[in-house]
N, C-alpha and C. Protein backbone atom coordinates (compact mmCIF):
# COMPACT_ATOMS: atom_id res chain seq x y z
N UNK A 1 67.83 -19.48 60.24
CA UNK A 1 68.82 -19.92 59.42
C UNK A 1 69.87 -20.59 59.89
N UNK A 2 69.98 -21.49 58.91
CA UNK A 2 71.45 -22.74 59.27
C UNK A 2 72.58 -22.09 58.79
N UNK A 3 73.47 -22.27 59.83
CA UNK A 3 75.02 -22.13 59.43
C UNK A 3 75.73 -23.48 59.29
N UNK A 4 76.04 -23.55 57.77
CA UNK A 4 76.98 -24.77 57.45
C UNK A 4 78.43 -24.13 57.13
N UNK A 5 79.27 -25.20 57.69
CA UNK A 5 80.77 -24.92 57.68
C UNK A 5 81.03 -25.12 56.33
N UNK A 6 82.32 -24.99 55.87
CA UNK A 6 82.60 -25.40 54.33
C UNK A 6 82.71 -26.68 54.25
N UNK A 7 82.29 -27.72 55.10
CA UNK A 7 82.71 -29.30 54.47
C UNK A 7 81.40 -29.76 55.21
N UNK A 8 80.25 -28.85 54.94
CA UNK A 8 79.07 -29.50 55.31
C UNK A 8 78.09 -29.80 53.82
N UNK A 9 77.38 -30.98 53.76
CA UNK A 9 76.78 -31.14 52.31
C UNK A 9 76.78 -32.83 52.03
N UNK A 10 76.71 -32.87 50.75
CA UNK A 10 76.87 -34.00 49.79
C UNK A 10 78.32 -33.85 48.65
N UNK A 11 78.94 -34.92 48.75
CA UNK A 11 79.84 -34.65 47.84
C UNK A 11 79.97 -36.15 46.80
N UNK A 12 79.82 -36.11 45.40
CA UNK A 12 79.64 -37.16 44.60
C UNK A 12 80.90 -37.35 44.04
N UNK A 13 81.07 -38.71 44.31
CA UNK A 13 82.55 -39.19 44.20
C UNK A 13 82.39 -40.06 43.13
N UNK A 14 82.96 -40.17 41.79
CA UNK A 14 83.19 -41.38 40.96
C UNK A 14 84.05 -42.36 41.11
N UNK A 15 83.82 -43.53 41.92
CA UNK A 15 84.40 -44.46 42.81
C UNK A 15 84.95 -45.44 41.84
N UNK A 16 86.12 -45.75 41.69
CA UNK A 16 87.12 -46.53 41.07
C UNK A 16 86.80 -47.65 41.15
N UNK A 17 87.36 -48.95 40.65
CA UNK A 17 87.21 -50.62 41.07
C UNK A 17 88.28 -50.53 42.04
N UNK A 18 88.31 -51.36 43.18
CA UNK A 18 89.00 -51.62 44.11
C UNK A 18 88.70 -51.35 45.48
N UNK A 19 89.02 -50.14 45.63
CA UNK A 19 88.58 -49.45 47.16
C UNK A 19 86.97 -49.56 47.54
N UNK A 20 86.86 -50.06 48.67
CA UNK A 20 85.42 -50.25 49.37
C UNK A 20 84.72 -48.61 49.61
N UNK A 21 83.52 -48.73 49.74
CA UNK A 21 82.94 -47.60 49.96
C UNK A 21 83.04 -46.78 51.30
N UNK A 22 83.71 -47.86 52.29
CA UNK A 22 84.29 -47.01 53.42
C UNK A 22 85.64 -46.92 53.28
N UNK A 23 86.47 -47.03 52.44
CA UNK A 23 87.82 -46.85 52.09
C UNK A 23 87.82 -45.51 51.73
N UNK A 24 86.88 -45.26 50.46
CA UNK A 24 86.89 -43.45 50.29
C UNK A 24 86.57 -42.76 51.16
N UNK A 25 85.24 -43.01 52.03
CA UNK A 25 85.04 -42.37 53.26
C UNK A 25 86.16 -41.89 54.17
N UNK A 26 87.06 -43.01 54.16
CA UNK A 26 88.09 -42.80 55.34
C UNK A 26 89.10 -42.00 54.66
N UNK A 27 89.24 -42.07 53.25
CA UNK A 27 90.31 -41.20 52.84
C UNK A 27 89.96 -39.88 52.75
N UNK A 28 88.72 -39.46 52.50
CA UNK A 28 88.28 -38.03 52.60
C UNK A 28 88.23 -37.65 54.02
N UNK A 29 88.03 -38.56 55.08
CA UNK A 29 88.11 -37.75 56.46
C UNK A 29 89.27 -37.63 56.71
N UNK A 30 90.34 -38.30 56.45
CA UNK A 30 91.82 -38.11 56.61
C UNK A 30 92.09 -36.85 55.70
N UNK A 31 92.05 -36.86 54.77
CA UNK A 31 92.41 -35.70 53.78
C UNK A 31 91.92 -34.29 54.22
N UNK A 32 90.48 -34.33 54.69
CA UNK A 32 90.14 -32.88 54.86
C UNK A 32 89.66 -32.88 56.48
N UNK A 33 90.07 -33.78 57.32
CA UNK A 33 90.39 -33.54 59.00
C UNK A 33 88.42 -33.67 59.01
N UNK A 34 87.89 -34.43 58.77
CA UNK A 34 86.49 -34.20 58.88
C UNK A 34 86.11 -35.42 59.61
N UNK A 35 85.29 -35.17 60.98
CA UNK A 35 85.12 -36.43 62.01
C UNK A 35 83.63 -37.00 61.58
N UNK A 36 82.80 -36.39 60.88
CA UNK A 36 81.45 -36.62 60.52
C UNK A 36 81.48 -37.17 59.03
N UNK A 37 81.17 -38.19 58.56
CA UNK A 37 81.26 -38.34 57.23
C UNK A 37 80.63 -39.77 57.30
N UNK A 38 79.88 -40.09 55.77
CA UNK A 38 79.35 -41.27 55.80
C UNK A 38 79.14 -41.44 54.20
N UNK A 39 78.60 -42.69 53.74
CA UNK A 39 77.96 -42.77 52.22
C UNK A 39 76.98 -43.00 52.21
N UNK A 40 76.00 -42.85 51.25
CA UNK A 40 74.57 -43.45 50.92
C UNK A 40 74.50 -44.36 50.12
N UNK A 41 74.69 -45.87 50.66
CA UNK A 41 74.73 -46.65 49.82
C UNK A 41 75.79 -47.37 49.48
N UNK A 42 76.16 -48.79 49.26
CA UNK A 42 77.56 -49.51 49.17
C UNK A 42 77.51 -49.96 47.72
N UNK A 43 79.03 -49.36 47.18
CA UNK A 43 79.31 -50.11 46.00
C UNK A 43 80.33 -51.39 46.22
N UNK A 44 80.23 -52.45 45.85
CA UNK A 44 81.17 -53.58 45.95
C UNK A 44 82.67 -53.19 45.46
N UNK A 45 83.80 -53.72 46.33
CA UNK A 45 85.01 -53.12 45.87
C UNK A 45 85.07 -53.21 44.36
N UNK A 46 84.71 -54.07 43.48
CA UNK A 46 84.97 -54.47 42.02
C UNK A 46 84.08 -53.41 41.44
N UNK A 47 82.99 -52.59 41.83
CA UNK A 47 82.07 -51.76 41.21
C UNK A 47 82.87 -50.50 41.10
N UNK A 48 82.53 -49.97 39.82
CA UNK A 48 82.46 -48.72 39.67
C UNK A 48 81.12 -47.74 39.55
N UNK A 49 81.27 -46.47 39.77
CA UNK A 49 80.36 -45.86 39.58
C UNK A 49 80.09 -44.59 40.79
N UNK A 50 78.94 -44.06 40.81
CA UNK A 50 78.68 -42.65 41.64
C UNK A 50 78.42 -43.12 42.91
N UNK A 51 79.32 -42.54 43.90
CA UNK A 51 79.24 -42.68 45.56
C UNK A 51 78.86 -41.49 46.29
N UNK A 52 77.80 -41.22 46.91
CA UNK A 52 77.36 -40.08 47.46
C UNK A 52 77.80 -40.25 48.82
N UNK A 53 78.61 -39.21 49.12
CA UNK A 53 79.32 -39.02 50.54
C UNK A 53 78.46 -37.96 50.79
N UNK A 54 78.36 -38.16 52.43
CA UNK A 54 77.79 -36.85 53.25
C UNK A 54 78.76 -36.76 54.37
N UNK A 55 78.92 -35.11 54.66
CA UNK A 55 80.05 -34.76 55.31
C UNK A 55 79.41 -33.85 56.30
N UNK A 56 79.61 -33.80 57.56
CA UNK A 56 79.57 -32.58 58.55
C UNK A 56 78.08 -32.98 58.92
N UNK A 57 77.38 -31.70 58.87
CA UNK A 57 75.87 -31.79 58.99
C UNK A 57 74.86 -32.14 57.75
N UNK A 58 76.11 -32.47 56.72
CA UNK A 58 75.49 -33.08 55.42
C UNK A 58 74.83 -34.46 55.80
N UNK A 59 75.32 -34.99 56.87
CA UNK A 59 75.12 -36.37 57.31
C UNK A 59 73.29 -36.39 57.28
N UNK A 60 72.65 -35.59 57.76
CA UNK A 60 71.50 -35.37 58.05
C UNK A 60 70.56 -35.61 56.89
N UNK A 61 71.15 -35.58 55.84
CA UNK A 61 70.52 -35.68 54.33
C UNK A 61 70.32 -37.09 54.02
N UNK A 62 71.34 -38.17 54.61
CA UNK A 62 71.51 -39.64 54.28
C UNK A 62 70.19 -40.47 54.28
N UNK A 63 69.26 -40.26 55.44
CA UNK A 63 67.83 -40.86 55.66
C UNK A 63 67.24 -40.66 54.34
N UNK A 64 66.90 -39.08 53.69
CA UNK A 64 66.56 -38.84 52.73
C UNK A 64 66.88 -39.45 51.49
N UNK A 65 68.17 -39.37 51.13
CA UNK A 65 68.81 -39.90 49.94
C UNK A 65 68.60 -41.61 49.82
N UNK A 66 68.72 -42.14 51.27
CA UNK A 66 68.42 -43.39 51.05
C UNK A 66 67.12 -43.92 50.51
N UNK A 67 66.20 -43.00 50.86
CA UNK A 67 64.87 -43.66 50.65
C UNK A 67 64.41 -43.48 49.54
N UNK A 68 65.23 -42.72 48.33
CA UNK A 68 64.86 -42.89 47.18
C UNK A 68 64.77 -43.58 46.52
N UNK A 69 64.29 -43.80 45.10
CA UNK A 69 64.48 -45.24 44.19
C UNK A 69 65.72 -44.85 43.71
N UNK A 70 66.60 -46.16 43.78
CA UNK A 70 67.68 -46.17 42.64
C UNK A 70 67.65 -47.07 41.70
N UNK A 71 68.61 -46.77 40.50
CA UNK A 71 68.65 -47.36 39.34
C UNK A 71 70.01 -47.83 39.15
N UNK A 72 69.81 -48.96 38.85
CA UNK A 72 71.22 -49.71 38.58
C UNK A 72 71.39 -50.11 37.09
């Protein structure tokens, strides 16, 4: 059985126009003091939409999520 911490997993963010995907990840890292975080796909700064963040041990999900078909 795996033990996950309170901030391990995926977080769905409705990204507004303006910030880059990295800006969003960086803000979440700082806000919740998370060392390991990333995103599954990049949205242009002017783009809005769903940005999938992976946190802590959830970063292991990144490869699986990135291999799925995407619809724009």
